[in-house]
Structures are given as C-alpha cells and as structure tokens.
Amino acid sequence: MATKSVNIKWTNGKSTFKNVSLSLDEPPDVFKAQIFALTSVPPERQKVMLKGKLVNDGECWNDSIKALLKDNCTLMLMGSADEVIEEPNEKVKFLEDMNESERAQAFDAPMGLKNLGNTCYLNATIQCLKTIPELDKAINEYTRDTNSSLSDETDIVQHMSLLYQNFNMTEEARIPALYIFIAGVHRWQPRFSEKDDHGGFMQQDANEFYLELLSELRNKVKTPGSESRTYVKKLMAIELESTTKCLETDDEPVKTEKENELQLSCFINQSISHIYSGIKNKMTETIHKRSETLGRDSDFQKSSLISRLPGYLCVQLVRFSYKQNKGVNAKQLRDVKFPMELDLYDLCTPELQGKLEATRTLLKDEDDRKALEVKAKKAKGEPMDTWEGSQEVQYEQSGLPDDPFSSNSAKYELISVLTHQGRNSSSGHYIAWVKKADDYWFKCDDDKISAVTNDEILKLSGGGDWHMAYLLFYKTRSPEKVATSN
C-alpha cells in the first residue's frame, strides 16, 4: 500500500498538522475527509495544494500530484471551517399536537447513513449497534492503546469512534467520517473490499461483518474504570454448558465443557415456524466425530443449556446456505415468527434458573399490575397511554450481583432488527429497524429514515420477497422502580 506521512498547513486556521497519513490507494475524497476530521473544513470548501498544484477531487489521484508526494512534504490547505450554529429557541409543543415528523424529532430519530456503493450491510449493522447505549458510550470514548502495534490507519475501532462522534452532526459531517470508516474497514478486512466486474464494491453478508466487528470491539474496548478488555463480552456474550455423549457405546467418557458465543442461532427448516423452536432445536444436535473408544468415527449427541445470559442478546436467523450448483449462498424464505418479548428461562441451566427467580417474580407482579390498570381504564372508558416512551422510566438493576452486565430475568424486549431483501447473500439490500418507544420504531434505509409501528415490524418474519429478519437484537427486561412514600 502506497502510504505517505505528510504535513498539512492550514492558512485560514493558522495551524499545522504533522504526520498525517495519506494513502494513494484510497481516492482523494478519503484524504479530504481526513482533513475535514482534523479541521472541520468541509471537503467542498477545501483547496489543497502541493507546490502550486491543486489536489483534485474524485476517485483517483492525478499523476502530477503523485509525482510530488514525498514523506514529510507539506500540503497547503485553504478554506474556512463550519461555523457553530446556535440552537433556535422554540416554544414548548405538546406531543399530541405534533405531526409525524415532529414526533420523529421528539423521539430522537436516528441519523441516516448514505450508501456509498453496496455499503447498506455496514450502515444497517451500525444502526443496530447504536441501540445499545452502553456500547455507544464506550465507542465514543475509545482511545487507541499507544503500546499497540496498530496505527490510527489500521485501528478500525478508532475509525468507528470518529464516525460515532460525528453521527449526530449534519450530513456533511457524517459523510467524511463514514468515508474514513469504510476505507478503514477495507484495510482492516480486505475481503470486504472485493469488487465486481464493473469495478464497484460487492455486497457483503451483514452477519459476517457484525461478528468480525463485534470481535474487534471485544478485544479492544475496556471496561469502564479499569484496564480490563471484557466490556463487550460482559454486555453481549452467551455462555453455554454442553455435554457430549457417544450414541454407540457407554464406554466413551461423557465430555462436559463451557462455550462462549456472541449470538444465538435459529436454524431454519420446514418444521421451524418460530425463533424459539429454532433456538431450542440447536440446543440438542447429533454430531459425527471420532470415538477414541471405538477407534472410528461415530455419532454423538451434544446437549447444551445456557449458563449465562447477557444484558443484550443477538439472535441470528440462519437464512443462507451454500448451493453448490449455483455457486451462491441461497436464501431460506420461510416465514419464521419472532416475538417483541422473548423468554429463554426454559433453556437455562437449573443453577441459573434459581438466580433468575426473584427478578422474574417482580416482573410478573409488574405485568399483573399493568394489566389491571388497563382493565380499569377500559371499564371507565378512559384513553390508553399510547406514548409511554416519552416518559422517563427508572428501572431496577438489570444484572446479577456477581455479574452486573448480565440478564437477571431471561426475559428480553426487542430493540432493533436487521433485515435482508433479496434471494442470496451476495445481492439484495439490508436495512435496520430501531425501536424508540412503545409501538414507535424507525426504519433506517441508509439515509432515508421513516417512522413505523409494531405491526410493520412483525411483518418482517419472512415468507415472501419483502424484507425479512436476519438479525434480532434484544435488551434484557428489568422491573420498573416503584416510588415509595416516607
């Protein structure tokens, strides 16, 4: 990779930035996005010159500039930074008086991400991850370990942090940060930079990208207040206890082990119509491997139970399988229902079930109380509260005493969905659907954001050519705090 370390002298800001990495393998637009991140001068307002020659826009560097670029050379930047726009004073408007777009703003609608050429898989993944506030905060505050062998150029979490820091700004601010992040993804995992016969970037599998990215976050993001890099694991990792028994002889020792996963998988066949049954079926499976007792390959039964549940849970609907005759990952279109609330208690070990009982009792009492309140309102003809999401609700601690980032109830509520539309993983379109309040969601179709309801989310279960759920993100339920009088 042709990379130069250059200096940038900014005439308007009267500043000099030293040792800025410039990659000739990335277009000039990416370099100008880097300059924007340093100076807040929008790319369209930048004039960058080297020895009297102007750095061009577009997809490739002109030969005259490439010939002049040397390590430690100085480029001149002319252009003024964006001025800070003060927030206008507006009178208070009540929720019931707002139109749909005003409600969207009141409910903090997500900012869109522009599709920069088959990057919908990446945009949808980022939108889903941003529904996890603890992870959002940790990425925003991430700083690269100075002892790491990685540079800023190859640290994908550093690029992600820059994108997050610019996320709620104007589109002009987000796009340069998004360019830098995508260029960083291509350097970090070159397989995501594969191109088609026309020179454009190919579509990628969103789940593969999600797992690679989450693994990188797990290795680098620190637990708040410590040097431990276990934060992402604590937030999102599932622990399984499994026993493996040979089906052909009792003389083979039974093997017991613990495994950690970043998501649960729902495998789909003609008998699966709900994600719970797909997850449960995977907990008991027959595997074929060598038996040391028999001295040959044999069938074993592997049975698993969940021994630890995280505060945030990802479930993958395994819709793609490789078709040898077609050379593609073909898609299983079967309608598989998923719930707004998922309960995994019956799939847990007896030991974990015992730890969950106290919180589950509180949740049952809460649900019973709310059901009685609804019944009483209906009897009196009073309107239901349809915009509870606008009220600040405080919750009890969600984790177990010795594992504060875990689930202490095994009950989860759906907070985001990543869907795919198309017939195979190398084509089609990915979008994200994120929850903001009860019965109030946002559809994030790249940079097009629109409001939707629970009914539209539940239609994403499959069975046709419409968008269908591929990744489901759940947050553990915690009991609401009940105010007590002194």
Protein backbone atom coordinates (compact mmCIF):
# COMPACT_ATOMS: atom_id res chain seq x y z
CA MET A 1 0.00 0.00 0.00
CA ALA A 2 1.47 3.39 -1.03
CA THR A 3 1.23 5.48 2.12
CA LYS A 4 2.96 8.79 2.84
CA SER A 5 3.34 10.71 6.09
CA VAL A 6 2.67 14.37 5.22
CA ASN A 7 2.14 17.72 6.93
CA ILE A 8 -0.86 19.99 6.35
CA LYS A 9 -0.53 23.76 6.76
CA TRP A 10 -3.94 25.39 7.13
CA THR A 11 -3.75 29.04 6.12
CA ASN A 12 -7.20 30.10 7.42
CA GLY A 13 -6.82 28.38 10.75
CA LYS A 14 -3.15 29.23 11.07
CA SER A 15 -2.39 25.69 12.16
CA THR A 16 -0.09 22.89 11.01
CA PHE A 17 -0.91 19.21 11.34
CA LYS A 18 2.10 16.92 11.25
CA ASN A 19 2.46 13.24 10.31
CA VAL A 20 -0.94 12.87 8.65
CA SER A 21 -1.27 9.50 6.89
CA LEU A 22 -2.06 9.80 3.14
CA SER A 23 -2.85 6.61 1.21
CA LEU A 24 -2.54 6.73 -2.56
CA ASP A 25 -4.60 3.53 -2.69
CA GLU A 26 -7.63 5.48 -1.44
CA PRO A 27 -9.27 8.26 -3.51
CA PRO A 28 -8.53 11.94 -2.81
CA ASP A 29 -12.05 12.21 -1.35
CA VAL A 30 -10.96 9.98 1.57
CA PHE A 31 -7.92 12.19 2.24
CA LYS A 32 -10.16 15.27 2.20
CA ALA A 33 -12.46 13.50 4.66
CA GLN A 34 -9.42 13.08 6.94
CA ILE A 35 -8.71 16.81 6.62
CA PHE A 36 -12.33 17.55 7.50
CA ALA A 37 -12.00 15.44 10.68
CA LEU A 38 -8.90 17.46 11.65
CA THR A 39 -10.08 20.97 10.73
CA SER A 40 -13.90 20.92 10.31
CA VAL A 41 -13.38 22.39 6.81
CA PRO A 42 -15.98 20.63 4.59
CA PRO A 43 -14.44 18.84 1.56
CA GLU A 44 -16.36 21.01 -0.91
CA ARG A 45 -14.77 24.09 0.69
CA GLN A 46 -11.21 22.74 0.68
CA LYS A 47 -8.44 23.83 -1.68
CA VAL A 48 -5.44 21.60 -1.11
CA MET A 49 -2.23 22.43 -2.97
CA LEU A 50 1.24 20.94 -3.24
CA LYS A 51 3.96 23.11 -4.83
CA GLY A 52 1.35 25.16 -6.68
CA LYS A 53 -0.63 22.18 -7.98
CA LEU A 54 -4.22 21.58 -6.84
CA VAL A 55 -5.24 18.21 -5.39
CA ASN A 56 -8.20 17.02 -7.42
CA ASP A 57 -11.50 15.56 -6.24
CA GLY A 58 -12.82 12.19 -7.35
CA GLU A 59 -11.74 8.57 -7.33
CA CYS A 60 -8.06 8.75 -8.30
CA TRP A 61 -5.01 10.96 -7.82
CA ASN A 62 -3.67 12.89 -10.80
CA ASP A 63 -0.15 11.96 -11.90
CA SER A 64 1.36 15.42 -11.27
CA ILE A 65 0.42 15.28 -7.57
CA LYS A 66 1.54 11.65 -7.16
CA ALA A 67 4.96 12.57 -8.54
CA LEU A 68 5.38 15.32 -5.93
CA LEU A 69 4.17 13.41 -2.88
CA LYS A 70 7.05 12.50 -0.58
CA ASP A 71 7.27 11.65 3.09
CA ASN A 72 7.29 14.79 5.28
CA CYS A 73 6.20 17.09 2.41
CA THR A 74 3.81 19.94 3.28
CA LEU A 75 0.43 20.48 1.63
CA MET A 76 -1.31 23.87 1.84
CA LEU A 77 -4.97 23.92 2.87
CA MET A 78 -7.20 26.89 2.16
CA GLY A 79 -10.80 27.01 3.35
CA SER A 80 -12.86 28.05 6.36
CA ALA A 81 -14.39 25.72 8.92
CA ASP A 82 -18.11 25.42 9.51
CA GLU A 83 -19.46 27.95 11.95
CA VAL A 84 -21.21 26.66 15.06
CA ILE A 85 -24.95 27.16 14.62
CA GLU A 86 -26.76 28.01 17.81
CA GLU A 87 -29.89 26.04 18.60
CA PRO A 88 -33.00 28.19 17.95
CA ASN A 89 -35.37 28.96 20.79
CA GLU A 90 -38.71 27.27 20.22
CA LYS A 91 -41.81 27.30 22.35
CA VAL A 92 -42.84 24.05 24.03
CA LYS A 93 -45.14 21.90 21.90
CA PHE A 94 -47.10 19.01 23.42
CA LEU A 95 -46.75 15.54 21.90
CA GLU A 96 -50.41 15.25 20.96
CA ASP A 97 -50.14 18.46 18.94
CA MET A 98 -47.20 17.25 16.83
CA ASN A 99 -47.34 15.84 13.32
CA GLU A 100 -45.43 12.65 12.42
CA SER A 101 -42.16 14.38 11.50
CA GLU A 102 -42.27 16.43 14.72
CA ARG A 103 -42.90 13.26 16.72
CA ALA A 104 -39.93 11.68 14.98
CA GLN A 105 -37.75 14.56 16.15
CA ALA A 106 -39.18 14.37 19.67
CA PHE A 107 -38.38 10.67 19.81
CA ASP A 108 -34.79 11.30 18.73
CA ALA A 109 -34.95 9.81 15.23
CA PRO A 110 -31.69 8.16 14.14
CA MET A 111 -29.48 9.97 11.69
CA GLY A 112 -29.22 8.30 8.27
CA LEU A 113 -26.06 6.92 6.69
CA LYS A 114 -25.53 7.43 2.97
CA ASN A 115 -24.99 4.32 0.82
CA LEU A 116 -21.51 4.76 -0.68
CA GLY A 117 -21.75 1.76 -3.02
CA ASN A 118 -23.16 -1.51 -1.63
CA THR A 119 -22.50 -0.36 1.95
CA CYS A 120 -26.06 -0.99 3.16
CA TYR A 121 -24.86 -4.07 5.13
CA LEU A 122 -22.46 -1.81 7.05
CA ASN A 123 -24.98 1.02 7.57
CA ALA A 124 -27.65 -1.35 8.92
CA THR A 125 -25.18 -3.01 11.32
CA ILE A 126 -24.06 0.35 12.73
CA GLN A 127 -27.68 1.48 13.25
CA CYS A 128 -28.48 -1.71 15.20
CA LEU A 129 -25.34 -1.45 17.37
CA LYS A 130 -26.22 2.14 18.21
CA THR A 131 -29.36 0.92 20.01
CA ILE A 132 -27.03 -0.30 22.79
CA PRO A 133 -26.29 2.90 24.78
CA GLU A 134 -23.52 1.41 26.92
CA LEU A 135 -21.64 0.29 23.82
CA ASP A 136 -22.33 3.62 22.09
CA LYS A 137 -20.72 5.50 25.02
CA ALA A 138 -17.72 3.17 25.16
CA ILE A 139 -17.00 3.55 21.43
CA ASN A 140 -17.38 7.33 21.61
CA GLU A 141 -14.81 7.46 24.41
CA TYR A 142 -12.40 4.93 22.88
CA THR A 143 -8.73 5.88 22.62
CA ARG A 144 -6.13 3.72 20.94
CA ASP A 145 -3.61 1.97 23.16
CA THR A 146 -0.31 3.74 22.49
CA ASN A 147 1.53 0.46 23.08
CA SER A 148 -0.45 -1.24 20.30
CA SER A 149 1.33 -2.20 17.10
CA LEU A 150 -1.65 -0.84 15.15
CA SER A 151 -1.57 2.68 13.75
CA ASP A 152 -4.55 5.03 13.56
CA GLU A 153 -4.87 3.93 9.94
CA THR A 154 -5.39 0.25 10.77
CA ASP A 155 -7.35 0.58 14.04
CA ILE A 156 -10.94 0.06 12.92
CA VAL A 157 -12.33 0.90 16.38
CA GLN A 158 -10.62 4.30 16.15
CA HIS A 159 -12.37 4.92 12.81
CA MET A 160 -15.67 3.74 14.31
CA SER A 161 -15.21 6.13 17.23
CA LEU A 162 -14.72 9.03 14.80
CA LEU A 163 -17.93 8.06 12.99
CA TYR A 164 -19.84 7.91 16.28
CA GLN A 165 -18.51 11.31 17.36
CA ASN A 166 -19.82 12.83 14.10
CA PHE A 167 -23.02 10.80 13.99
CA ASN A 168 -25.46 13.42 15.25
CA MET A 169 -23.98 16.28 13.23
CA THR A 170 -25.00 17.38 9.75
CA GLU A 171 -24.81 15.01 6.79
CA GLU A 172 -21.79 17.00 5.56
CA ALA A 173 -20.01 15.99 8.77
CA ARG A 174 -21.15 12.37 8.78
CA ILE A 175 -20.21 11.52 5.19
CA PRO A 176 -16.45 12.23 5.56
CA ALA A 177 -16.36 10.21 8.79
CA LEU A 178 -18.27 7.42 7.02
CA TYR A 179 -15.77 7.50 4.12
CA ILE A 180 -12.91 7.14 6.59
CA PHE A 181 -14.66 4.27 8.40
CA ILE A 182 -15.37 2.36 5.17
CA ALA A 183 -11.80 2.88 3.95
CA GLY A 184 -10.63 1.60 7.34
CA VAL A 185 -12.87 -1.48 7.02
CA HIS A 186 -11.29 -2.25 3.63
CA ARG A 187 -7.77 -2.04 5.10
CA TRP A 188 -8.73 -3.96 8.25
CA GLN A 189 -10.56 -6.80 6.46
CA PRO A 190 -9.66 -6.75 2.73
CA ARG A 191 -12.36 -9.33 1.91
CA PHE A 192 -14.97 -6.60 2.48
CA SER A 193 -13.31 -4.59 -0.31
CA GLU A 194 -13.95 -7.18 -3.04
CA LYS A 195 -15.05 -5.61 -6.33
CA ASP A 196 -17.34 -6.82 -9.09
CA ASP A 197 -16.62 -6.96 -12.83
CA HIS A 198 -17.59 -3.30 -13.17
CA GLY A 199 -15.14 -2.10 -10.51
CA GLY A 200 -17.75 -1.42 -7.84
CA PHE A 201 -17.64 -2.82 -4.31
CA MET A 202 -19.57 -6.07 -3.89
CA GLN A 203 -22.43 -6.67 -1.46
CA GLN A 204 -21.30 -8.35 1.78
CA ASP A 205 -23.01 -10.53 4.38
CA ALA A 206 -24.18 -8.34 7.27
CA ASN A 207 -23.84 -11.10 9.88
CA GLU A 208 -20.24 -11.81 8.87
CA PHE A 209 -19.46 -8.11 9.17
CA TYR A 210 -21.28 -7.86 12.52
CA LEU A 211 -19.35 -10.78 14.05
CA GLU A 212 -15.98 -9.51 12.79
CA LEU A 213 -16.68 -6.02 14.11
CA LEU A 214 -18.00 -7.24 17.46
CA SER A 215 -14.97 -9.49 17.88
CA GLU A 216 -12.69 -6.49 17.29
CA LEU A 217 -14.67 -4.42 19.80
CA ARG A 218 -14.47 -7.28 22.31
CA ASN A 219 -10.68 -7.30 22.04
CA LYS A 220 -10.18 -3.53 22.39
CA VAL A 221 -12.95 -1.78 24.33
CA LYS A 222 -12.13 -1.50 28.02
CA THR A 223 -14.46 -1.98 30.96
CA PRO A 224 -15.26 1.45 32.46
CA GLY A 225 -12.87 2.38 35.26
CA SER A 226 -10.41 -0.43 34.57
CA GLU A 227 -7.85 -1.70 32.08
CA SER A 228 -9.81 -4.92 31.52
CA ARG A 229 -10.96 -5.55 27.94
CA THR A 230 -14.01 -7.58 28.92
CA TYR A 231 -16.73 -4.94 28.50
CA VAL A 232 -18.22 -6.15 25.20
CA LYS A 233 -18.02 -9.77 26.34
CA LYS A 234 -19.92 -8.89 29.51
CA LEU A 235 -22.56 -6.92 27.57
CA MET A 236 -23.20 -9.43 24.78
CA ALA A 237 -21.62 -12.87 25.32
CA ILE A 238 -23.70 -16.00 26.00
CA GLU A 239 -22.20 -18.90 27.98
CA LEU A 240 -23.35 -22.44 27.18
CA GLU A 241 -22.74 -25.63 29.16
CA SER A 242 -22.70 -28.68 26.93
CA THR A 243 -22.38 -32.42 27.38
CA THR A 244 -21.32 -34.70 24.52
CA LYS A 245 -22.20 -38.41 24.74
CA CYS A 246 -21.42 -41.21 22.30
CA LEU A 247 -24.60 -42.87 21.00
CA GLU A 248 -22.91 -46.18 20.09
CA THR A 249 -21.13 -47.08 23.34
CA ASP A 250 -21.44 -46.21 27.02
CA ASP A 251 -17.72 -46.79 27.49
CA GLU A 252 -16.83 -43.48 25.80
CA PRO A 253 -16.37 -40.81 28.54
CA VAL A 254 -19.01 -38.07 28.51
CA LYS A 255 -17.39 -34.71 27.74
CA THR A 256 -18.58 -31.59 29.55
CA GLU A 257 -17.43 -28.12 28.52
CA LYS A 258 -18.33 -24.44 28.52
CA GLU A 259 -18.54 -22.35 25.34
CA ASN A 260 -18.92 -18.62 24.75
CA GLU A 261 -20.92 -17.25 21.82
CA LEU A 262 -21.66 -13.72 20.59
CA GLN A 263 -25.10 -14.69 19.31
CA LEU A 264 -27.69 -17.44 19.41
CA SER A 265 -28.60 -19.11 16.12
CA CYS A 266 -32.05 -20.08 14.87
CA PHE A 267 -31.57 -22.74 12.20
CA ILE A 268 -34.48 -22.89 9.78
CA ASN A 269 -36.07 -26.00 8.26
CA GLN A 270 -39.58 -26.96 7.20
CA SER A 271 -40.64 -27.65 10.81
CA ILE A 272 -39.48 -24.31 12.24
CA SER A 273 -42.10 -21.54 12.38
CA HIS A 274 -40.89 -19.59 15.45
CA ILE A 275 -37.40 -18.50 16.51
CA TYR A 276 -37.80 -20.09 19.95
CA SER A 277 -38.19 -23.57 18.45
CA GLY A 278 -35.24 -22.89 16.10
CA ILE A 279 -33.01 -21.91 19.04
CA LYS A 280 -34.22 -24.85 21.14
CA ASN A 281 -33.61 -27.40 18.35
CA LYS A 282 -30.00 -26.25 18.11
CA MET A 283 -29.53 -27.00 21.84
CA THR A 284 -29.69 -30.73 21.09
CA GLU A 285 -27.88 -31.97 18.00
CA THR A 286 -26.21 -35.07 16.61
CA ILE A 287 -22.61 -34.64 15.54
CA HIS A 288 -20.28 -37.07 13.78
CA LYS A 289 -16.73 -37.31 15.13
CA ARG A 290 -14.04 -39.78 16.13
CA SER A 291 -14.61 -42.06 19.12
CA GLU A 292 -11.34 -42.95 20.84
CA THR A 293 -13.01 -45.96 22.48
CA LEU A 294 -14.30 -47.40 19.18
CA GLY A 295 -11.30 -46.23 17.14
CA ARG A 296 -13.51 -44.81 14.39
CA ASP A 297 -15.95 -42.04 13.60
CA SER A 298 -19.23 -42.32 15.48
CA ASP A 299 -22.43 -40.40 16.23
CA PHE A 300 -22.51 -38.27 19.37
CA GLN A 301 -25.34 -36.34 20.95
CA LYS A 302 -24.44 -32.84 22.09
CA SER A 303 -26.85 -31.24 24.56
CA SER A 304 -26.48 -27.62 25.70
CA LEU A 305 -28.08 -25.29 28.23
CA ILE A 306 -27.49 -21.58 28.79
CA SER A 307 -25.44 -20.87 31.93
CA ARG A 308 -25.07 -17.11 31.40
CA LEU A 309 -27.26 -14.58 29.56
CA PRO A 310 -26.03 -11.09 28.61
CA GLY A 311 -27.74 -7.75 29.04
CA TYR A 312 -28.03 -7.52 25.24
CA LEU A 313 -28.75 -10.55 23.08
CA CYS A 314 -28.34 -11.05 19.34
CA VAL A 315 -30.25 -13.85 17.57
CA GLN A 316 -29.37 -14.79 14.00
CA LEU A 317 -31.96 -16.39 11.75
CA VAL A 318 -29.74 -18.67 9.65
CA ARG A 319 -31.32 -17.98 6.27
CA PHE A 320 -28.37 -18.54 3.92
CA SER A 321 -26.91 -21.87 2.80
CA TYR A 322 -24.41 -22.52 0.03
CA LYS A 323 -25.82 -24.05 -3.16
CA GLN A 324 -23.01 -25.86 -4.97
CA ASN A 325 -24.81 -26.00 -8.32
CA LYS A 326 -25.44 -22.23 -8.34
CA GLY A 327 -22.29 -21.11 -6.54
CA VAL A 328 -24.20 -18.73 -4.22
CA ASN A 329 -25.46 -18.57 -0.65
CA ALA A 330 -29.15 -19.13 -1.39
CA LYS A 331 -31.77 -17.80 0.99
CA GLN A 332 -34.38 -19.67 3.04
CA LEU A 333 -37.56 -17.58 2.64
CA ARG A 334 -39.68 -19.46 5.18
CA ASP A 335 -41.93 -17.39 7.47
CA VAL A 336 -40.38 -17.61 10.97
CA LYS A 337 -42.21 -15.60 13.63
CA PHE A 338 -40.34 -13.69 16.32
CA PRO A 339 -41.75 -12.03 19.46
CA MET A 340 -41.49 -8.50 20.80
CA GLU A 341 -40.69 -10.18 24.13
CA LEU A 342 -38.53 -13.30 24.25
CA ASP A 343 -38.27 -15.57 27.32
CA LEU A 344 -35.33 -18.01 27.45
CA TYR A 345 -35.84 -19.29 31.01
CA ASP A 346 -36.60 -22.88 29.94
CA LEU A 347 -33.29 -23.09 28.02
CA CYS A 348 -31.18 -22.19 31.09
CA THR A 349 -29.32 -24.46 33.49
CA PRO A 350 -31.11 -25.20 36.80
CA GLU A 351 -28.43 -23.19 38.63
CA LEU A 352 -29.06 -20.09 36.51
CA GLN A 353 -32.84 -20.54 36.75
CA GLY A 354 -32.54 -20.33 40.54
CA LYS A 355 -30.72 -16.99 40.27
CA LEU A 356 -33.42 -15.57 37.98
CA GLU A 357 -36.48 -16.34 40.11
CA ALA A 358 -36.52 -13.17 42.25
CA THR A 359 -36.48 -10.75 39.30
CA ARG A 360 -38.98 -12.82 37.32
CA THR A 361 -41.40 -12.61 40.26
CA LEU A 362 -41.07 -8.80 40.27
CA LEU A 363 -41.71 -8.69 36.51
CA LYS A 364 -44.80 -10.89 36.85
CA ASP A 365 -46.17 -8.62 39.58
CA GLU A 366 -45.47 -5.60 37.35
CA ASP A 367 -47.23 -7.16 34.35
CA ASP A 368 -50.22 -8.12 36.51
CA ARG A 369 -50.44 -4.57 37.90
CA LYS A 370 -50.35 -3.01 34.42
CA ALA A 371 -52.97 -5.46 33.14
CA LEU A 372 -55.30 -4.44 35.99
CA GLU A 373 -54.70 -0.73 35.23
CA VAL A 374 -55.60 -1.27 31.58
CA LYS A 375 -58.71 -3.22 32.55
CA ALA A 376 -59.80 -0.44 34.92
CA LYS A 377 -59.29 2.27 32.28
CA LYS A 378 -61.29 0.32 29.72
CA ALA A 379 -64.11 -0.12 32.23
CA LYS A 380 -64.18 3.65 32.84
CA GLY A 381 -63.84 4.48 29.16
CA GLU A 382 -60.54 6.32 29.76
CA PRO A 383 -57.95 6.59 26.94
CA MET A 384 -54.95 4.31 26.97
CA ASP A 385 -51.42 5.82 27.33
CA THR A 386 -50.03 5.24 23.84
CA TRP A 387 -46.88 7.35 24.20
CA GLU A 388 -45.25 5.89 27.30
CA GLY A 389 -41.86 6.17 25.59
CA SER A 390 -41.96 9.95 26.09
CA GLN A 391 -41.90 9.50 29.88
CA GLU A 392 -38.68 8.87 31.75
CA VAL A 393 -38.91 5.49 33.48
CA GLN A 394 -36.36 4.26 36.02
CA TYR A 395 -35.54 0.56 36.30
CA GLU A 396 -34.08 -1.75 38.92
CA GLN A 397 -30.59 -3.20 38.41
CA SER A 398 -30.60 -5.49 35.37
CA GLY A 399 -27.67 -7.77 36.21
CA LEU A 400 -26.91 -10.46 38.76
CA PRO A 401 -24.98 -9.34 41.88
CA ASP A 402 -21.75 -11.01 40.72
CA ASP A 403 -22.31 -10.18 37.01
CA PRO A 404 -23.77 -6.64 36.66
CA PHE A 405 -23.90 -6.65 32.83
CA SER A 406 -25.84 -9.92 32.59
CA SER A 407 -29.57 -10.62 32.44
CA ASN A 408 -31.20 -11.43 35.77
CA SER A 409 -34.59 -12.32 34.28
CA ALA A 410 -34.03 -14.24 30.97
CA LYS A 411 -36.82 -12.03 29.61
CA TYR A 412 -35.95 -9.74 26.70
CA GLU A 413 -37.60 -6.98 24.70
CA LEU A 414 -36.84 -6.39 21.02
CA ILE A 415 -34.90 -3.16 20.35
CA SER A 416 -33.70 -3.50 16.74
CA VAL A 417 -33.95 -5.72 13.67
CA LEU A 418 -31.58 -6.05 10.72
CA THR A 419 -33.37 -7.31 7.60
CA HIS A 420 -32.39 -8.51 4.14
CA GLN A 421 -34.40 -8.30 0.93
CA GLY A 422 -33.22 -10.48 -1.95
CA ARG A 423 -32.58 -14.10 -2.91
CA ASN A 424 -28.92 -14.57 -1.88
CA SER A 425 -26.30 -13.03 0.42
CA SER A 426 -24.21 -11.50 -2.40
CA SER A 427 -27.07 -9.32 -3.65
CA GLY A 428 -30.17 -7.61 -2.33
CA HIS A 429 -30.48 -4.88 0.27
CA TYR A 430 -30.05 -4.58 4.07
CA ILE A 431 -31.82 -2.08 6.30
CA ALA A 432 -32.21 -1.56 10.08
CA TRP A 433 -35.38 -1.06 12.13
CA VAL A 434 -34.80 0.50 15.57
CA LYS A 435 -37.18 0.96 18.48
CA LYS A 436 -37.60 4.34 20.17
CA ALA A 437 -40.78 3.87 22.23
CA ASP A 438 -43.71 1.52 22.68
CA ASP A 439 -45.23 0.90 19.24
CA TYR A 440 -42.87 3.50 17.74
CA TRP A 441 -39.99 2.42 15.53
CA PHE A 442 -37.79 3.91 12.83
CA LYS A 443 -36.97 2.27 9.52
CA CYS A 444 -33.35 3.16 8.64
CA ASP A 445 -32.98 2.55 4.91
CA ASP A 446 -29.47 4.01 4.51
CA ASP A 447 -30.07 7.81 4.67
CA LYS A 448 -33.87 7.51 4.39
CA ILE A 449 -35.48 7.46 7.86
CA SER A 450 -39.22 6.89 8.40
CA ALA A 451 -41.48 6.05 11.35
CA VAL A 452 -43.22 2.65 11.60
CA THR A 453 -45.26 0.70 14.17
CA ASN A 454 -45.05 -2.72 15.87
CA ASP A 455 -47.36 -4.22 13.25
CA GLU A 456 -44.90 -3.38 10.48
CA ILE A 457 -42.03 -4.89 12.50
CA LEU A 458 -43.90 -8.17 12.95
CA LYS A 459 -44.41 -8.38 9.17
CA LEU A 460 -40.64 -8.88 8.81
CA SER A 461 -40.91 -12.59 9.62
CA GLY A 462 -40.48 -13.77 6.02
CA GLY A 463 -42.47 -15.88 3.61
CA GLY A 464 -42.07 -13.69 0.51
CA ASP A 465 -39.83 -11.20 -1.22
CA TRP A 466 -40.29 -8.38 1.31
CA HIS A 467 -37.61 -7.52 3.85
CA MET A 468 -37.24 -10.32 6.39
CA ALA A 469 -35.47 -10.50 9.75
CA TYR A 470 -31.86 -11.70 9.66
CA LEU A 471 -30.51 -10.39 12.99
CA LEU A 472 -32.65 -9.63 16.04
CA PHE A 473 -31.29 -7.53 18.91
CA TYR A 474 -32.92 -7.84 22.34
CA LYS A 475 -32.40 -5.99 25.63
CA THR A 476 -32.98 -7.71 28.97
CA ARG A 477 -36.10 -6.64 30.86
CA SER A 478 -35.76 -5.10 34.29
CA PRO A 479 -38.58 -4.24 36.73
CA GLU A 480 -39.61 -0.61 36.93
CA LYS A 481 -38.74 1.15 40.16
CA VAL A 482 -41.80 1.76 42.29
CA ALA A 483 -41.90 5.04 44.20
CA THR A 484 -42.24 4.59 47.96
CA SER A 485 -43.62 7.17 50.37
CA ASN A 486 -41.72 8.06 53.55
